[in-house]
Amino acid sequence: MAQIIDGKKIAKEIREEVAEAILKFKDNNPALTVILVGDDPASHVYVRNKARACEKAGVISHTIQLDEDIEQCVLLEKIEELNNDTSIHGILVQLPLPDHIDETTVLEAILPEKDVDGFHPINVGKVVTGDTSGFIPATPAGIIQLLHRSGHSSQGKHVVVVGRSNIVGKPIGMLLLQKNQLGNATVTYCHSRTHNLADFTRQADILIAAIGRPEMITGDMVKDGVIIIDVGTNRVIDENTVKGYRLAGDVDYVSVFPKAKAITPVPGGVGPMTIAMLLKNTLKAFKLLTA
């Protein structure tokens, strides 16, 4: 029977470790500011969850709510103000942004030292080169911890990553390639244009599904003993539920489970790790900026 990798439990461990570390600084706490543009309901929920997690861990949390039609130059001015504010250690712009705002320009405006989301090109470059002074995006960082803390080493393993986003797919592959105890894997990237996808996924010792297509990876596409990390969180219509939908991963859990050595559930797998690793990044920013 497959081991279920409990993301809720591991995320709780990390949040507690962050809280314990912050206690040592007494009244000088890390501070995170989240900028939220517009009224996207999912973004509001996520930002509220971040604020609650910050409060429990001892991170000072600020949320700046801006109108949907704000001019890009005004948003950039606000970021510059936060860059220059020494009492703020982490800055996060909640995505997605309205269509009239250029996401790349905004993310590059954040000081790399305060970029706790790890999206600035300098931090991306540090992930690629293995420079640990930078910030790793929270979801890939969470995946690394899920594997490590559940006892599944990537050393010498063949990892197949299905997905090539800048937020998850690309960085997780780079991290697992690194020459260190959390890496040393052989990594194959696949994506929505990959021909004969199953030919690649069946080779995986560790399969990371991050393509955003519900239940795309089925049991016939994996080998026995595979370790599955399912990053997907997709709403699937289900009239048998009160809400009329259910959450599904990128992996067909029912058909894959009998073949897997270990698997993350959806929900309760990768999802809880994202905020936990954001807190860890904010603590790291605080230490770097106050050293």
C-alpha atoms as a PDB file:
ATOM      1  CA  MET A   1       0.000   0.000   0.000  1.00  0.00           C
ATOM      2  CA  ALA A   2       1.274   3.469  -0.890  1.00  0.00           C
ATOM      3  CA  GLN A   3       2.523   5.795   1.797  1.00  0.00           C
ATOM      4  CA  ILE A   4       0.422   8.955   1.867  1.00  0.00           C
ATOM      5  CA  ILE A   5       2.762  11.928   2.199  1.00  0.00           C
ATOM      6  CA  ASP A   6       1.000  14.200   4.675  1.00  0.00           C
ATOM      7  CA  GLY A   7       1.610  17.792   3.605  1.00  0.00           C
ATOM      8  CA  LYS A   8      -0.480  19.186   6.451  1.00  0.00           C
ATOM      9  CA  LYS A   9       1.694  17.482   9.060  1.00  0.00           C
ATOM     10  CA  ILE A  10       4.992  18.467   7.442  1.00  0.00           C
ATOM     11  CA  ALA A  11       3.840  22.059   6.891  1.00  0.00           C
ATOM     12  CA  LYS A  12       2.866  22.265  10.566  1.00  0.00           C
ATOM     13  CA  GLU A  13       6.364  21.105  11.553  1.00  0.00           C
ATOM     14  CA  ILE A  14       7.953  23.822   9.419  1.00  0.00           C
ATOM     15  CA  ARG A  15       5.627  26.555  10.712  1.00  0.00           C
ATOM     16  CA  GLU A  16       6.479  25.530  14.272  1.00  0.00           C
ATOM     17  CA  GLU A  17      10.206  25.622  13.490  1.00  0.00           C
ATOM     18  CA  VAL A  18       9.824  29.149  12.093  1.00  0.00           C
ATOM     19  CA  ALA A  19       7.830  30.269  15.144  1.00  0.00           C
ATOM     20  CA  GLU A  20      10.465  28.844  17.496  1.00  0.00           C
ATOM     21  CA  ALA A  21      13.257  30.616  15.605  1.00  0.00           C
ATOM     22  CA  ILE A  22      11.376  33.939  15.699  1.00  0.00           C
ATOM     23  CA  LEU A  23      10.944  33.712  19.483  1.00  0.00           C
ATOM     24  CA  LYS A  24      14.711  34.043  19.844  1.00  0.00           C
ATOM     25  CA  PHE A  25      14.562  37.533  18.330  1.00  0.00           C
ATOM     26  CA  LYS A  26      12.151  38.649  21.070  1.00  0.00           C
ATOM     27  CA  ASP A  27      10.392  41.887  19.996  1.00  0.00           C
ATOM     28  CA  ASN A  28      12.207  42.243  16.664  1.00  0.00           C
ATOM     29  CA  ASN A  29       9.956  40.238  14.352  1.00  0.00           C
ATOM     30  CA  PRO A  30      10.117  39.592  10.605  1.00  0.00           C
ATOM     31  CA  ALA A  31       7.570  41.619   8.627  1.00  0.00           C
ATOM     32  CA  LEU A  32       5.857  40.644   5.385  1.00  0.00           C
ATOM     33  CA  THR A  33       3.785  42.944   3.176  1.00  0.00           C
ATOM     34  CA  VAL A  34       1.406  41.458   0.618  1.00  0.00           C
ATOM     35  CA  ILE A  35       0.065  43.644  -2.197  1.00  0.00           C
ATOM     36  CA  LEU A  36      -3.324  42.551  -3.485  1.00  0.00           C
ATOM     37  CA  VAL A  37      -4.658  44.172  -6.653  1.00  0.00           C
ATOM     38  CA  GLY A  38      -8.335  43.764  -7.502  1.00  0.00           C
ATOM     39  CA  ASP A  39     -11.065  41.508  -6.160  1.00  0.00           C
ATOM     40  CA  ASP A  40     -10.187  37.993  -7.311  1.00  0.00           C
ATOM     41  CA  PRO A  41     -11.971  35.758  -4.732  1.00  0.00           C
ATOM     42  CA  ALA A  42      -9.302  33.024  -4.745  1.00  0.00           C
ATOM     43  CA  SER A  43      -6.563  35.597  -4.171  1.00  0.00           C
ATOM     44  CA  HIS A  44      -8.451  37.085  -1.229  1.00  0.00           C
ATOM     45  CA  VAL A  45      -8.785  33.654   0.402  1.00  0.00           C
ATOM     46  CA  TYR A  46      -5.112  32.892  -0.129  1.00  0.00           C
ATOM     47  CA  VAL A  47      -4.013  36.246   1.288  1.00  0.00           C
ATOM     48  CA  ARG A  48      -6.210  35.770   4.380  1.00  0.00           C
ATOM     49  CA  ASN A  49      -4.657  32.337   4.920  1.00  0.00           C
ATOM     50  CA  LYS A  50      -1.194  33.853   4.655  1.00  0.00           C
ATOM     51  CA  ALA A  51      -2.086  36.500   7.223  1.00  0.00           C
ATOM     52  CA  ARG A  52      -3.356  33.877   9.688  1.00  0.00           C
ATOM     53  CA  ALA A  53      -0.234  31.749   9.263  1.00  0.00           C
ATOM     54  CA  CYS A  54       1.977  34.802   9.781  1.00  0.00           C
ATOM     55  CA  GLU A  55       0.178  35.720  12.991  1.00  0.00           C
ATOM     56  CA  LYS A  56       0.566  32.224  14.436  1.00  0.00           C
ATOM     57  CA  ALA A  57       4.271  32.101  13.570  1.00  0.00           C
ATOM     58  CA  GLY A  58       5.106  35.564  14.897  1.00  0.00           C
ATOM     59  CA  VAL A  59       5.569  37.227  11.492  1.00  0.00           C
ATOM     60  CA  ILE A  60       4.157  40.757  11.273  1.00  0.00           C
ATOM     61  CA  SER A  61       1.781  40.781   8.318  1.00  0.00           C
ATOM     62  CA  HIS A  62       0.510  43.756   6.304  1.00  0.00           C
ATOM     63  CA  THR A  63      -1.885  43.608   3.361  1.00  0.00           C
ATOM     64  CA  ILE A  64      -2.161  46.499   0.929  1.00  0.00           C
ATOM     65  CA  GLN A  65      -5.399  46.355  -1.081  1.00  0.00           C
ATOM     66  CA  LEU A  66      -5.325  48.255  -4.375  1.00  0.00           C
ATOM     67  CA  ASP A  67      -8.107  48.870  -6.885  1.00  0.00           C
ATOM     68  CA  GLU A  68      -8.445  46.697  -9.982  1.00  0.00           C
ATOM     69  CA  ASP A  69      -7.921  49.699 -12.278  1.00  0.00           C
ATOM     70  CA  ILE A  70      -4.816  51.059 -10.567  1.00  0.00           C
ATOM     71  CA  GLU A  71      -2.189  52.387 -12.944  1.00  0.00           C
ATOM     72  CA  GLN A  72       0.979  50.342 -13.198  1.00  0.00           C
ATOM     73  CA  CYS A  73       3.146  53.335 -12.309  1.00  0.00           C
ATOM     74  CA  VAL A  74       1.279  53.765  -9.009  1.00  0.00           C
ATOM     75  CA  LEU A  75       1.820  50.091  -8.147  1.00  0.00           C
ATOM     76  CA  LEU A  76       5.515  50.436  -8.940  1.00  0.00           C
ATOM     77  CA  GLU A  77       5.734  53.504  -6.684  1.00  0.00           C
ATOM     78  CA  LYS A  78       4.203  51.495  -3.841  1.00  0.00           C
ATOM     79  CA  ILE A  79       6.747  48.705  -4.352  1.00  0.00           C
ATOM     80  CA  GLU A  80       9.592  51.226  -4.335  1.00  0.00           C
ATOM     81  CA  GLU A  81       8.268  52.640  -1.077  1.00  0.00           C
ATOM     82  CA  LEU A  82       8.318  49.168   0.481  1.00  0.00           C
ATOM     83  CA  ASN A  83      11.794  48.490  -0.927  1.00  0.00           C
ATOM     84  CA  ASN A  84      13.054  51.523   0.995  1.00  0.00           C
ATOM     85  CA  ASP A  85      11.205  50.700   4.225  1.00  0.00           C
ATOM     86  CA  THR A  86      13.710  48.989   6.524  1.00  0.00           C
ATOM     87  CA  SER A  87      10.913  47.711   8.777  1.00  0.00           C
ATOM     88  CA  ILE A  88       9.614  45.501   5.933  1.00  0.00           C
ATOM     89  CA  HIS A  89      11.651  42.365   5.216  1.00  0.00           C
ATOM     90  CA  GLY A  90       9.500  40.562   2.660  1.00  0.00           C
ATOM     91  CA  ILE A  91       7.376  41.857  -0.232  1.00  0.00           C
ATOM     92  CA  LEU A  92       4.904  39.716  -2.132  1.00  0.00           C
ATOM     93  CA  VAL A  93       2.649  40.778  -4.991  1.00  0.00           C
ATOM     94  CA  GLN A  94      -0.300  38.390  -5.170  1.00  0.00           C
ATOM     95  CA  LEU A  95      -0.803  36.924  -8.629  1.00  0.00           C
ATOM     96  CA  PRO A  96      -2.576  37.053 -11.012  1.00  0.00           C
ATOM     97  CA  LEU A  97      -2.511  40.768 -11.764  1.00  0.00           C
ATOM     98  CA  PRO A  98      -5.071  42.612 -13.925  1.00  0.00           C
ATOM     99  CA  ASP A  99      -4.431  42.376 -17.664  1.00  0.00           C
ATOM    100  CA  HIS A 100      -3.296  46.003 -18.036  1.00  0.00           C
ATOM    101  CA  ILE A 101      -0.375  45.483 -15.626  1.00  0.00           C
ATOM    102  CA  ASP A 102       2.808  43.797 -16.855  1.00  0.00           C
ATOM    103  CA  GLU A 103       3.600  41.023 -14.391  1.00  0.00           C
ATOM    104  CA  THR A 104       7.285  40.793 -15.294  1.00  0.00           C
ATOM    105  CA  THR A 105       7.881  44.526 -14.779  1.00  0.00           C
ATOM    106  CA  VAL A 106       6.205  44.404 -11.379  1.00  0.00           C
ATOM    107  CA  LEU A 107       8.053  41.334 -10.121  1.00  0.00           C
ATOM    108  CA  GLU A 108      11.398  42.721 -11.267  1.00  0.00           C
ATOM    109  CA  ALA A 109      10.722  45.946  -9.319  1.00  0.00           C
ATOM    110  CA  ILE A 110      10.886  44.113  -5.983  1.00  0.00           C
ATOM    111  CA  LEU A 111      14.280  44.155  -4.306  1.00  0.00           C
ATOM    112  CA  PRO A 112      15.810  40.669  -4.695  1.00  0.00           C
ATOM    113  CA  GLU A 113      16.630  40.724  -0.978  1.00  0.00           C
ATOM    114  CA  LYS A 114      12.917  41.153  -0.171  1.00  0.00           C
ATOM    115  CA  ASP A 115      11.572  38.897  -2.926  1.00  0.00           C
ATOM    116  CA  VAL A 116      10.259  36.109  -0.684  1.00  0.00           C
ATOM    117  CA  ASP A 117       8.281  34.610  -3.581  1.00  0.00           C
ATOM    118  CA  GLY A 118      11.579  33.933  -5.378  1.00  0.00           C
ATOM    119  CA  PHE A 119      10.376  35.261  -8.743  1.00  0.00           C
ATOM    120  CA  HIS A 120      12.984  37.996  -9.363  1.00  0.00           C
ATOM    121  CA  PRO A 121      15.474  37.056 -12.134  1.00  0.00           C
ATOM    122  CA  ILE A 122      18.366  37.314  -9.679  1.00  0.00           C
ATOM    123  CA  ASN A 123      16.752  34.752  -7.368  1.00  0.00           C
ATOM    124  CA  VAL A 124      15.845  32.564 -10.348  1.00  0.00           C
ATOM    125  CA  GLY A 125      19.494  32.681 -11.418  1.00  0.00           C
ATOM    126  CA  LYS A 126      20.626  31.703  -7.943  1.00  0.00           C
ATOM    127  CA  VAL A 127      18.348  28.656  -8.021  1.00  0.00           C
ATOM    128  CA  VAL A 128      19.904  27.597 -11.329  1.00  0.00           C
ATOM    129  CA  THR A 129      23.488  28.066 -10.130  1.00  0.00           C
ATOM    130  CA  GLY A 130      22.905  26.592  -6.678  1.00  0.00           C
ATOM    131  CA  ASP A 131      23.589  29.834  -4.812  1.00  0.00           C
ATOM    132  CA  THR A 132      21.789  29.316  -1.497  1.00  0.00           C
ATOM    133  CA  SER A 133      21.750  33.031  -0.612  1.00  0.00           C
ATOM    134  CA  GLY A 134      18.696  33.548  -2.825  1.00  0.00           C
ATOM    135  CA  PHE A 135      15.038  32.677  -2.347  1.00  0.00           C
ATOM    136  CA  ILE A 136      13.445  29.523  -3.736  1.00  0.00           C
ATOM    137  CA  PRO A 137       9.810  29.790  -4.859  1.00  0.00           C
ATOM    138  CA  ALA A 138       7.617  28.410  -2.099  1.00  0.00           C
ATOM    139  CA  THR A 139       5.988  25.505  -3.925  1.00  0.00           C
ATOM    140  CA  PRO A 140       9.213  23.940  -5.286  1.00  0.00           C
ATOM    141  CA  ALA A 141      10.849  24.482  -1.899  1.00  0.00           C
ATOM    142  CA  GLY A 142       7.884  22.714  -0.328  1.00  0.00           C
ATOM    143  CA  ILE A 143       8.215  19.755  -2.692  1.00  0.00           C
ATOM    144  CA  ILE A 144      11.859  19.333  -1.725  1.00  0.00           C
ATOM    145  CA  GLN A 145      10.873  19.264   1.941  1.00  0.00           C
ATOM    146  CA  LEU A 146       8.032  16.794   1.312  1.00  0.00           C
ATOM    147  CA  LEU A 147      10.478  14.357  -0.276  1.00  0.00           C
ATOM    148  CA  HIS A 148      13.182  14.903   2.327  1.00  0.00           C
ATOM    149  CA  ARG A 149      11.017  14.751   5.441  1.00  0.00           C
ATOM    150  CA  SER A 150       9.035  11.736   4.252  1.00  0.00           C
ATOM    151  CA  GLY A 151      12.255   9.796   3.692  1.00  0.00           C
ATOM    152  CA  HIS A 152      12.343   9.724  -0.105  1.00  0.00           C
ATOM    153  CA  SER A 153      15.789  10.696  -1.326  1.00  0.00           C
ATOM    154  CA  SER A 154      16.251  11.949  -4.854  1.00  0.00           C
ATOM    155  CA  GLN A 155      19.897  10.781  -4.916  1.00  0.00           C
ATOM    156  CA  GLY A 156      20.553   9.069  -8.237  1.00  0.00           C
ATOM    157  CA  LYS A 157      16.830   8.818  -9.011  1.00  0.00           C
ATOM    158  CA  HIS A 158      15.174   9.604 -12.318  1.00  0.00           C
ATOM    159  CA  VAL A 159      12.745  12.455 -11.726  1.00  0.00           C
ATOM    160  CA  VAL A 160      10.216  13.274 -14.416  1.00  0.00           C
ATOM    161  CA  VAL A 161       8.649  16.733 -14.120  1.00  0.00           C
ATOM    162  CA  VAL A 162       5.409  17.186 -16.058  1.00  0.00           C
ATOM    163  CA  GLY A 163       5.028  20.954 -16.382  1.00  0.00           C
ATOM    164  CA  ARG A 164       7.332  23.829 -17.262  1.00  0.00           C
ATOM    165  CA  SER A 165       5.985  26.878 -15.437  1.00  0.00           C
ATOM    166  CA  ASN A 166       8.372  29.432 -13.971  1.00  0.00           C
ATOM    167  CA  ILE A 167       6.649  29.012 -10.612  1.00  0.00           C
ATOM    168  CA  VAL A 168       6.900  25.224 -10.202  1.00  0.00           C
ATOM    169  CA  GLY A 169       8.070  23.090 -13.117  1.00  0.00           C
ATOM    170  CA  LYS A 170      11.311  24.795 -14.090  1.00  0.00           C
ATOM    171  CA  PRO A 171      12.611  25.549 -10.567  1.00  0.00           C
ATOM    172  CA  ILE A 172      11.843  22.123  -9.085  1.00  0.00           C
ATOM    173  CA  GLY A 173      13.862  20.480 -11.846  1.00  0.00           C
ATOM    174  CA  MET A 174      16.767  22.839 -11.221  1.00  0.00           C
ATOM    175  CA  LEU A 175      16.682  22.140  -7.483  1.00  0.00           C
ATOM    176  CA  LEU A 176      16.706  18.383  -7.955  1.00  0.00           C
ATOM    177  CA  LEU A 177      19.684  18.652 -10.323  1.00  0.00           C
ATOM    178  CA  GLN A 178      21.814  20.399  -7.710  1.00  0.00           C
ATOM    179  CA  LYS A 179      24.914  18.659  -6.402  1.00  0.00           C
ATOM    180  CA  ASN A 180      23.776  18.317  -2.790  1.00  0.00           C
ATOM    181  CA  GLN A 181      21.961  15.924  -0.461  1.00  0.00           C
ATOM    182  CA  LEU A 182      18.526  17.188  -1.572  1.00  0.00           C
ATOM    183  CA  GLY A 183      19.342  16.878  -5.275  1.00  0.00           C
ATOM    184  CA  ASN A 184      21.652  14.676  -7.344  1.00  0.00           C
ATOM    185  CA  ALA A 185      18.744  13.450  -9.458  1.00  0.00           C
ATOM    186  CA  THR A 186      18.566  12.905 -13.202  1.00  0.00           C
ATOM    187  CA  VAL A 187      15.753  15.158 -14.385  1.00  0.00           C
ATOM    188  CA  THR A 188      13.531  14.902 -17.458  1.00  0.00           C
ATOM    189  CA  TYR A 189      11.147  17.749 -18.284  1.00  0.00           C
ATOM    190  CA  CYS A 190       7.842  17.031 -20.033  1.00  0.00           C
ATOM    191  CA  HIS A 191       4.945  19.342 -20.856  1.00  0.00           C
ATOM    192  CA  SER A 192       1.704  19.742 -22.777  1.00  0.00           C
ATOM    193  CA  ARG A 193       3.490  19.424 -26.139  1.00  0.00           C
ATOM    194  CA  THR A 194       5.471  16.301 -25.262  1.00  0.00           C
ATOM    195  CA  HIS A 195       4.799  13.479 -27.715  1.00  0.00           C
ATOM    196  CA  ASN A 196       4.172  10.037 -26.196  1.00  0.00           C
ATOM    197  CA  LEU A 197       4.133  11.440 -22.659  1.00  0.00           C
ATOM    198  CA  ALA A 198       3.518   8.021 -21.089  1.00  0.00           C
ATOM    199  CA  ASP A 199       6.827   6.749 -22.504  1.00  0.00           C
ATOM    200  CA  PHE A 200       8.572   9.249 -20.240  1.00  0.00           C
ATOM    201  CA  THR A 201       6.355   9.093 -17.162  1.00  0.00           C
ATOM    202  CA  ARG A 202       6.742   5.295 -16.979  1.00  0.00           C
ATOM    203  CA  GLN A 203      10.483   5.794 -16.501  1.00  0.00           C
ATOM    204  CA  ALA A 204      10.050   7.980 -13.422  1.00  0.00           C
ATOM    205  CA  ASP A 205      11.292   6.908 -10.009  1.00  0.00           C
ATOM    206  CA  ILE A 206       9.799  10.199  -8.812  1.00  0.00           C
ATOM    207  CA  LEU A 207       7.031  11.845 -10.825  1.00  0.00           C
ATOM    208  CA  ILE A 208       6.150  15.498 -10.211  1.00  0.00           C
ATOM    209  CA  ALA A 209       2.870  16.453 -11.883  1.00  0.00           C
ATOM    210  CA  ALA A 210       2.472  20.217 -12.266  1.00  0.00           C
ATOM    211  CA  ILE A 211       0.682  20.729 -15.560  1.00  0.00           C
ATOM    212  CA  GLY A 212      -2.709  22.018 -14.370  1.00  0.00           C
ATOM    213  CA  ARG A 213      -4.848  19.376 -16.073  1.00  0.00           C
ATOM    214  CA  PRO A 214      -7.144  17.371 -13.795  1.00  0.00           C
ATOM    215  CA  GLU A 215      -6.332  13.655 -13.449  1.00  0.00           C
ATOM    216  CA  MET A 216      -4.169  13.658 -16.561  1.00  0.00           C
ATOM    217  CA  ILE A 217      -1.659  11.117 -15.208  1.00  0.00           C
ATOM    218  CA  THR A 218      -3.337   7.717 -14.987  1.00  0.00           C
ATOM    219  CA  GLY A 219      -2.285   4.367 -13.573  1.00  0.00           C
ATOM    220  CA  ASP A 220      -1.135   2.977 -16.917  1.00  0.00           C
ATOM    221  CA  MET A 221       1.308   5.905 -17.240  1.00  0.00           C
ATOM    222  CA  VAL A 222       3.448   5.048 -14.185  1.00  0.00           C
ATOM    223  CA  LYS A 223       5.566   2.118 -13.089  1.00  0.00           C
ATOM    224  CA  ASP A 224       5.244   0.130  -9.877  1.00  0.00           C
ATOM    225  CA  GLY A 225       7.010   1.739  -6.927  1.00  0.00           C
ATOM    226  CA  VAL A 226       6.872   5.294  -8.233  1.00  0.00           C
ATOM    227  CA  ILE A 227       6.817   8.244  -5.846  1.00  0.00           C
ATOM    228  CA  ILE A 228       4.169  10.774  -6.892  1.00  0.00           C
ATOM    229  CA  ILE A 229       4.159  14.470  -6.034  1.00  0.00           C
ATOM    230  CA  ASP A 230       0.882  15.942  -7.303  1.00  0.00           C
ATOM    231  CA  VAL A 231       1.017  19.736  -7.500  1.00  0.00           C
ATOM    232  CA  GLY A 232      -2.322  20.177  -9.249  1.00  0.00           C
ATOM    233  CA  THR A 233      -5.357  21.720  -7.578  1.00  0.00           C
ATOM    234  CA  ASN A 234      -8.185  21.668 -10.091  1.00  0.00           C
ATOM    235  CA  ARG A 235     -11.916  22.186  -9.636  1.00  0.00           C
ATOM    236  CA  VAL A 236     -13.852  19.340 -11.213  1.00  0.00           C
ATOM    237  CA  ILE A 237     -17.651  19.457 -11.519  1.00  0.00           C
ATOM    238  CA  ASP A 238     -19.234  16.927  -9.163  1.00  0.00           C
ATOM    239  CA  GLU A 239     -22.981  17.170  -8.641  1.00  0.00           C
ATOM    240  CA  ASN A 240     -22.765  14.670  -5.783  1.00  0.00           C
ATOM    241  CA  THR A 241     -21.076  17.250  -3.562  1.00  0.00           C
ATOM    242  CA  VAL A 242     -22.681  20.151  -1.688  1.00  0.00           C
ATOM    243  CA  LYS A 243     -20.551  22.722  -3.506  1.00  0.00           C
ATOM    244  CA  GLY A 244     -21.116  21.112  -6.893  1.00  0.00           C
ATOM    245  CA  TYR A 245     -17.432  20.485  -7.426  1.00  0.00           C
ATOM    246  CA  ARG A 246     -14.469  18.635  -5.938  1.00  0.00           C
ATOM    247  CA  LEU A 247     -10.740  19.305  -5.917  1.00  0.00           C
ATOM    248  CA  ALA A 248      -8.648  17.012  -8.065  1.00  0.00           C
ATOM    249  CA  GLY A 249      -4.950  16.823  -8.715  1.00  0.00           C
ATOM    250  CA  ASP A 250      -3.128  16.367 -11.998  1.00  0.00           C
ATOM    251  CA  VAL A 251      -2.915  12.669 -11.122  1.00  0.00           C
ATOM    252  CA  ASP A 252      -5.815  10.205 -11.210  1.00  0.00           C
ATOM    253  CA  TYR A 253      -5.384   9.212  -7.577  1.00  0.00           C
ATOM    254  CA  VAL A 254      -7.597   6.109  -7.704  1.00  0.00           C
ATOM    255  CA  SER A 255      -5.788   4.422 -10.585  1.00  0.00           C
ATOM    256  CA  VAL A 256      -2.266   5.488  -9.588  1.00  0.00           C
ATOM    257  CA  PHE A 257      -2.474   4.716  -5.856  1.00  0.00           C
ATOM    258  CA  PRO A 258      -2.152   0.896  -6.159  1.00  0.00           C
ATOM    259  CA  LYS A 259       1.107   1.249  -8.101  1.00  0.00           C
ATOM    260  CA  ALA A 260       2.732   4.014  -6.075  1.00  0.00           C
ATOM    261  CA  LYS A 261       5.251   3.621  -3.290  1.00  0.00           C
ATOM    262  CA  ALA A 262       4.262   7.037  -1.958  1.00  0.00           C
ATOM    263  CA  ILE A 263       1.870   9.767  -3.076  1.00  0.00           C
ATOM    264  CA  THR A 264       0.681  13.220  -2.052  1.00  0.00           C
ATOM    265  CA  PRO A 265      -3.082  13.666  -1.731  1.00  0.00           C
ATOM    266  CA  VAL A 266      -5.121  16.562  -3.136  1.00  0.00           C
ATOM    267  CA  PRO A 267      -5.966  18.454  -1.050  1.00  0.00           C
ATOM    268  CA  GLY A 268      -3.550  18.070   1.865  1.00  0.00           C
ATOM    269  CA  GLY A 269      -0.314  17.377   0.016  1.00  0.00           C
ATOM    270  CA  VAL A 270       1.690  20.105  -1.709  1.00  0.00           C
ATOM    271  CA  GLY A 271      -0.828  22.885  -1.005  1.00  0.00           C
ATOM    272  CA  PRO A 272      -0.183  23.402   2.733  1.00  0.00           C
ATOM    273  CA  MET A 273       3.568  23.561   2.102  1.00  0.00           C
ATOM    274  CA  THR A 274       3.410  26.770   0.074  1.00  0.00           C
ATOM    275  CA  ILE A 275       2.539  29.103   2.943  1.00  0.00           C
ATOM    276  CA  ALA A 276       4.903  27.267   5.303  1.00  0.00           C
ATOM    277  CA  MET A 277       7.825  27.838   2.947  1.00  0.00           C
ATOM    278  CA  LEU A 278       6.799  31.475   2.430  1.00  0.00           C
ATOM    279  CA  LEU A 279       7.144  31.959   6.192  1.00  0.00           C
ATOM    280  CA  LYS A 280      10.555  30.289   6.051  1.00  0.00           C
ATOM    281  CA  ASN A 281      11.620  32.641   3.244  1.00  0.00           C
ATOM    282  CA  THR A 282      10.405  35.666   5.223  1.00  0.00           C
ATOM    283  CA  LEU A 283      12.483  34.574   8.204  1.00  0.00           C
ATOM    284  CA  LYS A 284      15.486  34.160   5.904  1.00  0.00           C
ATOM    285  CA  ALA A 285      14.960  37.670   4.465  1.00  0.00           C
ATOM    286  CA  PHE A 286      14.764  39.084   7.994  1.00  0.00           C
ATOM    287  CA  LYS A 287      18.052  37.438   8.955  1.00  0.00           C
ATOM    288  CA  LEU A 288      19.801  38.662   5.806  1.00  0.00           C
ATOM    289  CA  LEU A 289      18.549  42.233   6.127  1.00  0.00           C
ATOM    290  CA  THR A 290      19.224  42.591   9.841  1.00  0.00           C
ATOM    291  CA  ALA A 291      22.571  40.792  10.003  1.00  0.00           C
END
